PDB file of N, CA and C in Angstrom:
ATOM      1  N   MET A   1      -5.330  29.281 -16.718  1.00  0.00           N
ATOM      2  CA  MET A   1      -4.268  29.765 -17.551  1.00  0.00           C
ATOM      3  C   MET A   1      -2.998  28.934 -17.220  1.00  0.00           C
ATOM      4  N   MET A   2      -2.412  28.413 -18.215  1.00  0.00           N
ATOM      5  CA  MET A   2      -1.180  27.612 -18.071  1.00  0.00           C
ATOM      6  C   MET A   2       0.028  28.515 -18.104  1.00  0.00           C
ATOM      7  N   PRO A   3       0.978  28.213 -17.245  1.00  0.00           N
ATOM      8  CA  PRO A   3       2.240  29.002 -17.301  1.00  0.00           C
ATOM      9  C   PRO A   3       2.965  28.644 -18.609  1.00  0.00           C
ATOM     10  N   PRO A   4       3.763  29.583 -19.077  1.00  0.00           N
ATOM     11  CA  PRO A   4       4.504  29.304 -20.336  1.00  0.00           C
ATOM     12  C   PRO A   4       5.472  28.095 -20.140  1.00  0.00           C
ATOM     13  N   ALA A   5       5.740  27.407 -21.164  1.00  0.00           N
ATOM     14  CA  ALA A   5       6.665  26.260 -21.104  1.00  0.00           C
ATOM     15  C   ALA A   5       8.060  26.743 -20.767  1.00  0.00           C
ATOM     16  N   VAL A   6       8.785  25.942 -20.083  1.00  0.00           N
ATOM     17  CA  VAL A   6      10.164  26.261 -19.708  1.00  0.00           C
ATOM     18  C   VAL A   6      10.956  26.144 -21.006  1.00  0.00           C
ATOM     19  N   PRO A   7      11.624  27.264 -21.473  1.00  0.00           N
ATOM     20  CA  PRO A   7      12.235  27.225 -22.779  1.00  0.00           C
ATOM     21  C   PRO A   7      13.384  26.269 -22.913  1.00  0.00           C
ATOM     22  N   TRP A   8      14.031  25.903 -21.859  1.00  0.00           N
ATOM     23  CA  TRP A   8      15.183  24.963 -21.953  1.00  0.00           C
ATOM     24  C   TRP A   8      14.839  23.525 -21.599  1.00  0.00           C
ATOM     25  N   ALA A   9      13.576  23.244 -21.264  1.00  0.00           N
ATOM     26  CA  ALA A   9      13.201  21.925 -20.842  1.00  0.00           C
ATOM     27  C   ALA A   9      13.425  20.891 -21.923  1.00  0.00           C
ATOM     28  N   GLU A  10      13.118  21.249 -23.164  1.00  0.00           N
ATOM     29  CA  GLU A  10      13.248  20.333 -24.264  1.00  0.00           C
ATOM     30  C   GLU A  10      14.686  19.931 -24.482  1.00  0.00           C
ATOM     31  N   ARG A  11      15.568  20.966 -24.405  1.00  0.00           N
ATOM     32  CA  ARG A  11      17.042  20.703 -24.526  1.00  0.00           C
ATOM     33  C   ARG A  11      17.549  19.863 -23.361  1.00  0.00           C
ATOM     34  N   ALA A  12      17.052  20.185 -22.150  1.00  0.00           N
ATOM     35  CA  ALA A  12      17.530  19.410 -20.981  1.00  0.00           C
ATOM     36  C   ALA A  12      17.105  17.953 -21.126  1.00  0.00           C
ATOM     37  N   ARG A  13      15.915  17.668 -21.644  1.00  0.00           N
ATOM     38  CA  ARG A  13      15.453  16.285 -21.841  1.00  0.00           C
ATOM     39  C   ARG A  13      16.343  15.589 -22.865  1.00  0.00           C
ATOM     40  N   ALA A  14      16.679  16.262 -23.951  1.00  0.00           N
ATOM     41  CA  ALA A  14      17.490  15.726 -24.998  1.00  0.00           C
ATOM     42  C   ALA A  14      18.900  15.388 -24.468  1.00  0.00           C
ATOM     43  N   GLU A  15      19.475  16.287 -23.654  1.00  0.00           N
ATOM     44  CA  GLU A  15      20.774  16.022 -23.066  1.00  0.00           C
ATOM     45  C   GLU A  15      20.745  14.903 -22.084  1.00  0.00           C
ATOM     46  N   HIS A  16      19.626  14.813 -21.307  1.00  0.00           N
ATOM     47  CA  HIS A  16      19.479  13.718 -20.318  1.00  0.00           C
ATOM     48  C   HIS A  16      19.416  12.430 -21.079  1.00  0.00           C
ATOM     49  N   ASP A  17      18.605  12.327 -22.109  1.00  0.00           N
ATOM     50  CA  ASP A  17      18.469  11.126 -22.903  1.00  0.00           C
ATOM     51  C   ASP A  17      19.786  10.682 -23.532  1.00  0.00           C
ATOM     52  N   ALA A  18      20.527  11.665 -24.056  1.00  0.00           N
ATOM     53  CA  ALA A  18      21.832  11.332 -24.642  1.00  0.00           C
ATOM     54  C   ALA A  18      22.795  10.783 -23.592  1.00  0.00           C
ATOM     55  N   PHE A  19      22.771  11.368 -22.384  1.00  0.00           N
ATOM     56  CA  PHE A  19      23.620  10.889 -21.290  1.00  0.00           C
ATOM     57  C   PHE A  19      23.218   9.491 -20.880  1.00  0.00           C
ATOM     58  N   ALA A  20      21.895   9.249 -20.732  1.00  0.00           N
ATOM     59  CA  ALA A  20      21.405   7.900 -20.410  1.00  0.00           C
ATOM     60  C   ALA A  20      21.834   6.899 -21.457  1.00  0.00           C
ATOM     61  N   ASP A  21      21.732   7.277 -22.721  1.00  0.00           N
ATOM     62  CA  ASP A  21      22.141   6.385 -23.837  1.00  0.00           C
ATOM     63  C   ASP A  21      23.622   6.070 -23.763  1.00  0.00           C
ATOM     64  N   ALA A  22      24.421   6.994 -23.328  1.00  0.00           N
ATOM     65  CA  ALA A  22      25.832   6.787 -23.185  1.00  0.00           C
ATOM     66  C   ALA A  22      26.164   5.845 -22.020  1.00  0.00           C
ATOM     67  N   LEU A  23      25.374   5.889 -20.969  1.00  0.00           N
ATOM     68  CA  LEU A  23      25.610   5.057 -19.788  1.00  0.00           C
ATOM     69  C   LEU A  23      25.161   3.608 -19.992  1.00  0.00           C
ATOM     70  N   ARG A  24      24.143   3.357 -20.728  1.00  0.00           N
ATOM     71  CA  ARG A  24      23.589   2.025 -20.909  1.00  0.00           C
ATOM     72  C   ARG A  24      24.612   0.994 -21.404  1.00  0.00           C
ATOM     73  N   PRO A  25      25.443   1.330 -22.397  1.00  0.00           N
ATOM     74  CA  PRO A  25      26.412   0.293 -22.860  1.00  0.00           C
ATOM     75  C   PRO A  25      27.460  -0.076 -21.832  1.00  0.00           C
ATOM     76  N   ALA A  26      27.580   0.771 -20.797  1.00  0.00           N
ATOM     77  CA  ALA A  26      28.524   0.464 -19.692  1.00  0.00           C
ATOM     78  C   ALA A  26      27.870  -0.377 -18.640  1.00  0.00           C
ATOM     79  N   GLY A  27      26.637  -0.788 -18.898  1.00  0.00           N
ATOM     80  CA  GLY A  27      25.916  -1.630 -17.914  1.00  0.00           C
ATOM     81  C   GLY A  27      25.110  -0.888 -16.877  1.00  0.00           C
ATOM     82  N   VAL A  28      24.997   0.389 -17.002  1.00  0.00           N
ATOM     83  CA  VAL A  28      24.232   1.203 -16.072  1.00  0.00           C
ATOM     84  C   VAL A  28      22.716   1.049 -16.314  1.00  0.00           C
ATOM     85  N   ALA A  29      21.993   0.739 -15.313  1.00  0.00           N
ATOM     86  CA  ALA A  29      20.529   0.683 -15.411  1.00  0.00           C
ATOM     87  C   ALA A  29      19.976   2.082 -15.213  1.00  0.00           C
ATOM     88  N   VAL A  30      19.344   2.622 -16.243  1.00  0.00           N
ATOM     89  CA  VAL A  30      18.767   3.952 -16.170  1.00  0.00           C
ATOM     90  C   VAL A  30      17.278   3.769 -15.883  1.00  0.00           C
ATOM     91  N   LEU A  31      16.863   4.323 -14.703  1.00  0.00           N
ATOM     92  CA  LEU A  31      15.502   4.199 -14.256  1.00  0.00           C
ATOM     93  C   LEU A  31      14.775   5.557 -14.346  1.00  0.00           C
ATOM     94  N   TYR A  32      13.536   5.491 -14.705  1.00  0.00           N
ATOM     95  CA  TYR A  32      12.705   6.705 -14.791  1.00  0.00           C
ATOM     96  C   TYR A  32      11.643   6.656 -13.711  1.00  0.00           C
ATOM     97  N   LEU A  33      11.597   7.652 -12.877  1.00  0.00           N
ATOM     98  CA  LEU A  33      10.665   7.690 -11.762  1.00  0.00           C
ATOM     99  C   LEU A  33       9.249   7.511 -12.164  1.00  0.00           C
ATOM    100  N   THR A  34       8.822   8.122 -13.245  1.00  0.00           N
ATOM    101  CA  THR A  34       7.424   8.011 -13.667  1.00  0.00           C
ATOM    102  C   THR A  34       7.107   6.558 -14.037  1.00  0.00           C
ATOM    103  N   GLU A  35       7.991   5.830 -14.670  1.00  0.00           N
ATOM    104  CA  GLU A  35       7.713   4.448 -14.967  1.00  0.00           C
ATOM    105  C   GLU A  35       7.691   3.551 -13.758  1.00  0.00           C
ATOM    106  N   LEU A  36       8.605   3.814 -12.796  1.00  0.00           N
ATOM    107  CA  LEU A  36       8.594   3.077 -11.555  1.00  0.00           C
ATOM    108  C   LEU A  36       7.304   3.273 -10.808  1.00  0.00           C
ATOM    109  N   LEU A  37       6.858   4.503 -10.752  1.00  0.00           N
ATOM    110  CA  LEU A  37       5.637   4.833 -10.005  1.00  0.00           C
ATOM    111  C   LEU A  37       4.418   4.215 -10.677  1.00  0.00           C
ATOM    112  N   GLN A  38       4.399   4.265 -12.027  1.00  0.00           N
ATOM    113  CA  GLN A  38       3.266   3.640 -12.714  1.00  0.00           C
ATOM    114  C   GLN A  38       3.240   2.111 -12.432  1.00  0.00           C
ATOM    115  N   ASP A  39       4.383   1.497 -12.469  1.00  0.00           N
ATOM    116  CA  ASP A  39       4.446   0.072 -12.217  1.00  0.00           C
ATOM    117  C   ASP A  39       4.028  -0.243 -10.780  1.00  0.00           C
ATOM    118  N   ALA A  40       4.455   0.533  -9.829  1.00  0.00           N
ATOM    119  CA  ALA A  40       4.106   0.290  -8.425  1.00  0.00           C
ATOM    120  C   ALA A  40       2.628   0.524  -8.205  1.00  0.00           C
ATOM    121  N   LEU A  41       2.004   1.506  -8.849  1.00  0.00           N
ATOM    122  CA  LEU A  41       0.590   1.773  -8.639  1.00  0.00           C
ATOM    123  C   LEU A  41      -0.346   0.818  -9.349  1.00  0.00           C
ATOM    124  N   GLU A  42       0.153   0.001 -10.207  1.00  0.00           N
ATOM    125  CA  GLU A  42      -0.617  -1.050 -10.810  1.00  0.00           C
ATOM    126  C   GLU A  42      -0.907  -2.150  -9.820  1.00  0.00           C
ATOM    127  N   TYR A  43      -0.133  -2.280  -8.780  1.00  0.00           N
ATOM    128  CA  TYR A  43      -0.271  -3.289  -7.756  1.00  0.00           C
ATOM    129  C   TYR A  43      -1.232  -2.676  -6.688  1.00  0.00           C
ATOM    130  N   ALA A  44      -2.439  -3.306  -6.571  1.00  0.00           N
ATOM    131  CA  ALA A  44      -3.501  -2.715  -5.774  1.00  0.00           C
ATOM    132  C   ALA A  44      -3.105  -2.369  -4.321  1.00  0.00           C
ATOM    133  N   PRO A  45      -2.419  -3.272  -3.624  1.00  0.00           N
ATOM    134  CA  PRO A  45      -2.072  -2.913  -2.264  1.00  0.00           C
ATOM    135  C   PRO A  45      -1.152  -1.672  -2.166  1.00  0.00           C
ATOM    136  N   ALA A  46      -0.235  -1.555  -3.132  1.00  0.00           N
ATOM    137  CA  ALA A  46       0.665  -0.401  -3.134  1.00  0.00           C
ATOM    138  C   ALA A  46      -0.142   0.847  -3.429  1.00  0.00           C
ATOM    139  N   ARG A  47      -1.065   0.783  -4.406  1.00  0.00           N
ATOM    140  CA  ARG A  47      -1.854   1.936  -4.765  1.00  0.00           C
ATOM    141  C   ARG A  47      -2.725   2.375  -3.539  1.00  0.00           C
ATOM    142  N   LYS A  48      -3.331   1.393  -2.849  1.00  0.00           N
ATOM    143  CA  LYS A  48      -4.156   1.680  -1.661  1.00  0.00           C
ATOM    144  C   LYS A  48      -3.297   2.360  -0.612  1.00  0.00           C
ATOM    145  N   GLN A  49      -2.139   1.913  -0.372  1.00  0.00           N
ATOM    146  CA  GLN A  49      -1.266   2.497   0.620  1.00  0.00           C
ATOM    147  C   GLN A  49      -0.805   3.890   0.232  1.00  0.00           C
ATOM    148  N   ALA A  50      -0.470   4.097  -1.027  1.00  0.00           N
ATOM    149  CA  ALA A  50      -0.058   5.416  -1.577  1.00  0.00           C
ATOM    150  C   ALA A  50      -1.207   6.422  -1.360  1.00  0.00           C
ATOM    151  N   VAL A  51      -2.327   6.096  -1.747  1.00  0.00           N
ATOM    152  CA  VAL A  51      -3.521   7.006  -1.646  1.00  0.00           C
ATOM    153  C   VAL A  51      -3.786   7.293  -0.175  1.00  0.00           C
ATOM    154  N   ALA A  52      -3.762   6.273   0.721  1.00  0.00           N
ATOM    155  CA  ALA A  52      -4.034   6.504   2.163  1.00  0.00           C
ATOM    156  C   ALA A  52      -2.952   7.380   2.729  1.00  0.00           C
ATOM    157  N   THR A  53      -1.697   7.173   2.380  1.00  0.00           N
ATOM    158  CA  THR A  53      -0.578   7.981   2.901  1.00  0.00           C
ATOM    159  C   THR A  53      -0.756   9.440   2.477  1.00  0.00           C
ATOM    160  N   VAL A  54      -0.956   9.661   1.212  1.00  0.00           N
ATOM    161  CA  VAL A  54      -1.054  11.020   0.718  1.00  0.00           C
ATOM    162  C   VAL A  54      -2.223  11.799   1.277  1.00  0.00           C
ATOM    163  N   THR A  55      -3.369  11.127   1.364  1.00  0.00           N
ATOM    164  CA  THR A  55      -4.575  11.835   1.816  1.00  0.00           C
ATOM    165  C   THR A  55      -4.651  11.935   3.332  1.00  0.00           C
ATOM    166  N   SER A  56      -3.797  11.255   4.053  1.00  0.00           N
ATOM    167  CA  SER A  56      -3.859  11.291   5.530  1.00  0.00           C
ATOM    168  C   SER A  56      -2.884  12.309   6.079  1.00  0.00           C
ATOM    169  N   ASP A  57      -2.075  12.906   5.258  1.00  0.00           N
ATOM    170  CA  ASP A  57      -1.095  13.910   5.737  1.00  0.00           C
ATOM    171  C   ASP A  57      -1.837  15.154   6.259  1.00  0.00           C
ATOM    172  N   ARG A  58      -1.777  15.394   7.555  1.00  0.00           N
ATOM    173  CA  ARG A  58      -2.467  16.538   8.135  1.00  0.00           C
ATOM    174  C   ARG A  58      -2.071  17.884   7.621  1.00  0.00           C
ATOM    175  N   ARG A  59      -0.850  17.970   7.063  1.00  0.00           N
ATOM    176  CA  ARG A  59      -0.407  19.223   6.542  1.00  0.00           C
ATOM    177  C   ARG A  59      -1.195  19.704   5.310  1.00  0.00           C
ATOM    178  N   LEU A  60      -1.949  18.732   4.719  1.00  0.00           N
ATOM    179  CA  LEU A  60      -2.694  19.049   3.532  1.00  0.00           C
ATOM    180  C   LEU A  60      -4.033  19.735   3.813  1.00  0.00           C
ATOM    181  N   GLY A  61      -4.476  19.667   5.076  1.00  0.00           N
ATOM    182  CA  GLY A  61      -5.633  20.431   5.492  1.00  0.00           C
ATOM    183  C   GLY A  61      -6.988  19.783   5.146  1.00  0.00           C
ATOM    184  N   GLU A  62      -8.013  20.603   5.162  1.00  0.00           N
ATOM    185  CA  GLU A  62      -9.372  20.093   4.979  1.00  0.00           C
ATOM    186  C   GLU A  62      -9.638  19.459   3.646  1.00  0.00           C
ATOM    187  N   ALA A  63      -8.981  19.882   2.595  1.00  0.00           N
ATOM    188  CA  ALA A  63      -9.185  19.294   1.235  1.00  0.00           C
ATOM    189  C   ALA A  63      -8.803  17.848   1.285  1.00  0.00           C
ATOM    190  N   ALA A  64      -7.725  17.524   1.941  1.00  0.00           N
ATOM    191  CA  ALA A  64      -7.302  16.132   2.050  1.00  0.00           C
ATOM    192  C   ALA A  64      -8.222  15.304   2.903  1.00  0.00           C
ATOM    193  N   ALA A  65      -8.721  15.933   3.948  1.00  0.00           N
ATOM    194  CA  ALA A  65      -9.645  15.223   4.833  1.00  0.00           C
ATOM    195  C   ALA A  65     -10.894  14.848   4.051  1.00  0.00           C
ATOM    196  N   ALA A  66     -11.393  15.764   3.243  1.00  0.00           N
ATOM    197  CA  ALA A  66     -12.551  15.504   2.399  1.00  0.00           C
ATOM    198  C   ALA A  66     -12.282  14.381   1.385  1.00  0.00           C
ATOM    199  N   ALA A  67     -11.085  14.345   0.865  1.00  0.00           N
ATOM    200  CA  ALA A  67     -10.735  13.357  -0.150  1.00  0.00           C
ATOM    201  C   ALA A  67     -10.579  11.962   0.425  1.00  0.00           C
ATOM    202  N   ARG A  68     -10.567  11.800   1.703  1.00  0.00           N
ATOM    203  CA  ARG A  68     -10.426  10.470   2.289  1.00  0.00           C
ATOM    204  C   ARG A  68     -11.695   9.700   2.240  1.00  0.00           C
ATOM    205  N   GLY A  69     -12.756  10.335   1.680  1.00  0.00           N
ATOM    206  CA  GLY A  69     -14.065   9.639   1.615  1.00  0.00           C
ATOM    207  C   GLY A  69     -14.097   8.717   0.407  1.00  0.00           C
ATOM    208  N   PRO A  70     -15.219   8.614  -0.272  1.00  0.00           N
ATOM    209  CA  PRO A  70     -15.409   7.672  -1.409  1.00  0.00           C
ATOM    210  C   PRO A  70     -14.481   7.946  -2.566  1.00  0.00           C
ATOM    211  N   SER A  71     -14.122   9.197  -2.811  1.00  0.00           N
ATOM    212  CA  SER A  71     -13.251   9.504  -3.927  1.00  0.00           C
ATOM    213  C   SER A  71     -11.837   8.864  -3.696  1.00  0.00           C
ATOM    214  N   ALA A  72     -11.342   8.942  -2.546  1.00  0.00           N
ATOM    215  CA  ALA A  72     -10.058   8.356  -2.226  1.00  0.00           C
ATOM    216  C   ALA A  72     -10.135   6.820  -2.317  1.00  0.00           C
ATOM    217  N   ALA A  73     -11.224   6.281  -1.923  1.00  0.00           N
ATOM    218  CA  ALA A  73     -11.379   4.849  -2.012  1.00  0.00           C
ATOM    219  C   ALA A  73     -11.386   4.426  -3.492  1.00  0.00           C
ATOM    220  N   ARG A  74     -12.045   5.172  -4.333  1.00  0.00           N
ATOM    221  CA  ARG A  74     -12.048   4.851  -5.788  1.00  0.00           C
ATOM    222  C   ARG A  74     -10.625   4.964  -6.369  1.00  0.00           C
ATOM    223  N   LEU A  75      -9.878   5.980  -5.902  1.00  0.00           N
ATOM    224  CA  LEU A  75      -8.487   6.145  -6.402  1.00  0.00           C
ATOM    225  C   LEU A  75      -7.677   4.897  -5.994  1.00  0.00           C
ATOM    226  N   ALA A  76      -7.899   4.427  -4.801  1.00  0.00           N
ATOM    227  CA  ALA A  76      -7.126   3.319  -4.274  1.00  0.00           C
ATOM    228  C   ALA A  76      -7.567   1.975  -4.900  1.00  0.00           C
ATOM    229  N   GLY A  77      -8.645   2.019  -5.673  1.00  0.00           N
ATOM    230  CA  GLY A  77      -9.080   0.757  -6.330  1.00  0.00           C
ATOM    231  C   GLY A  77     -10.205   0.083  -5.581  1.00  0.00           C
ATOM    232  N   ASN A  78     -10.667   0.660  -4.501  1.00  0.00           N
ATOM    233  CA  ASN A  78     -11.765   0.054  -3.737  1.00  0.00           C
ATOM    234  C   ASN A  78     -13.049   0.603  -4.314  1.00  0.00           C
ATOM    235  N   ARG A  79     -14.007  -0.171  -4.586  1.00  0.00           N
ATOM    236  CA  ARG A  79     -15.298   0.248  -5.116  1.00  0.00           C
ATOM    237  C   ARG A  79     -16.283   0.356  -3.994  1.00  0.00           C
ATOM    238  N   ARG A  80     -16.927   1.504  -3.844  1.00  0.00           N
ATOM    239  CA  ARG A  80     -17.936   1.696  -2.810  1.00  0.00           C
ATOM    240  C   ARG A  80     -19.218   2.024  -3.505  1.00  0.00           C
TER     241      ARG A  80
END
């Protein structure tokens, strides 16, 4: 079951986009984290390091330890 959508999220996104549009003519570079992450993860060594870092965090427990096997290797772009 999915939680209900945040009722103000759409308006917040519209306000953010309007603010970003106002900043761009002043020479401000507006960066979006999702786009930066996608770009970084297209680079195989960065993807491999990100997967290894996330799945090796001991605070994540047994589920992360299990994910360090072949599934994690596939996520990192290594074929086993």
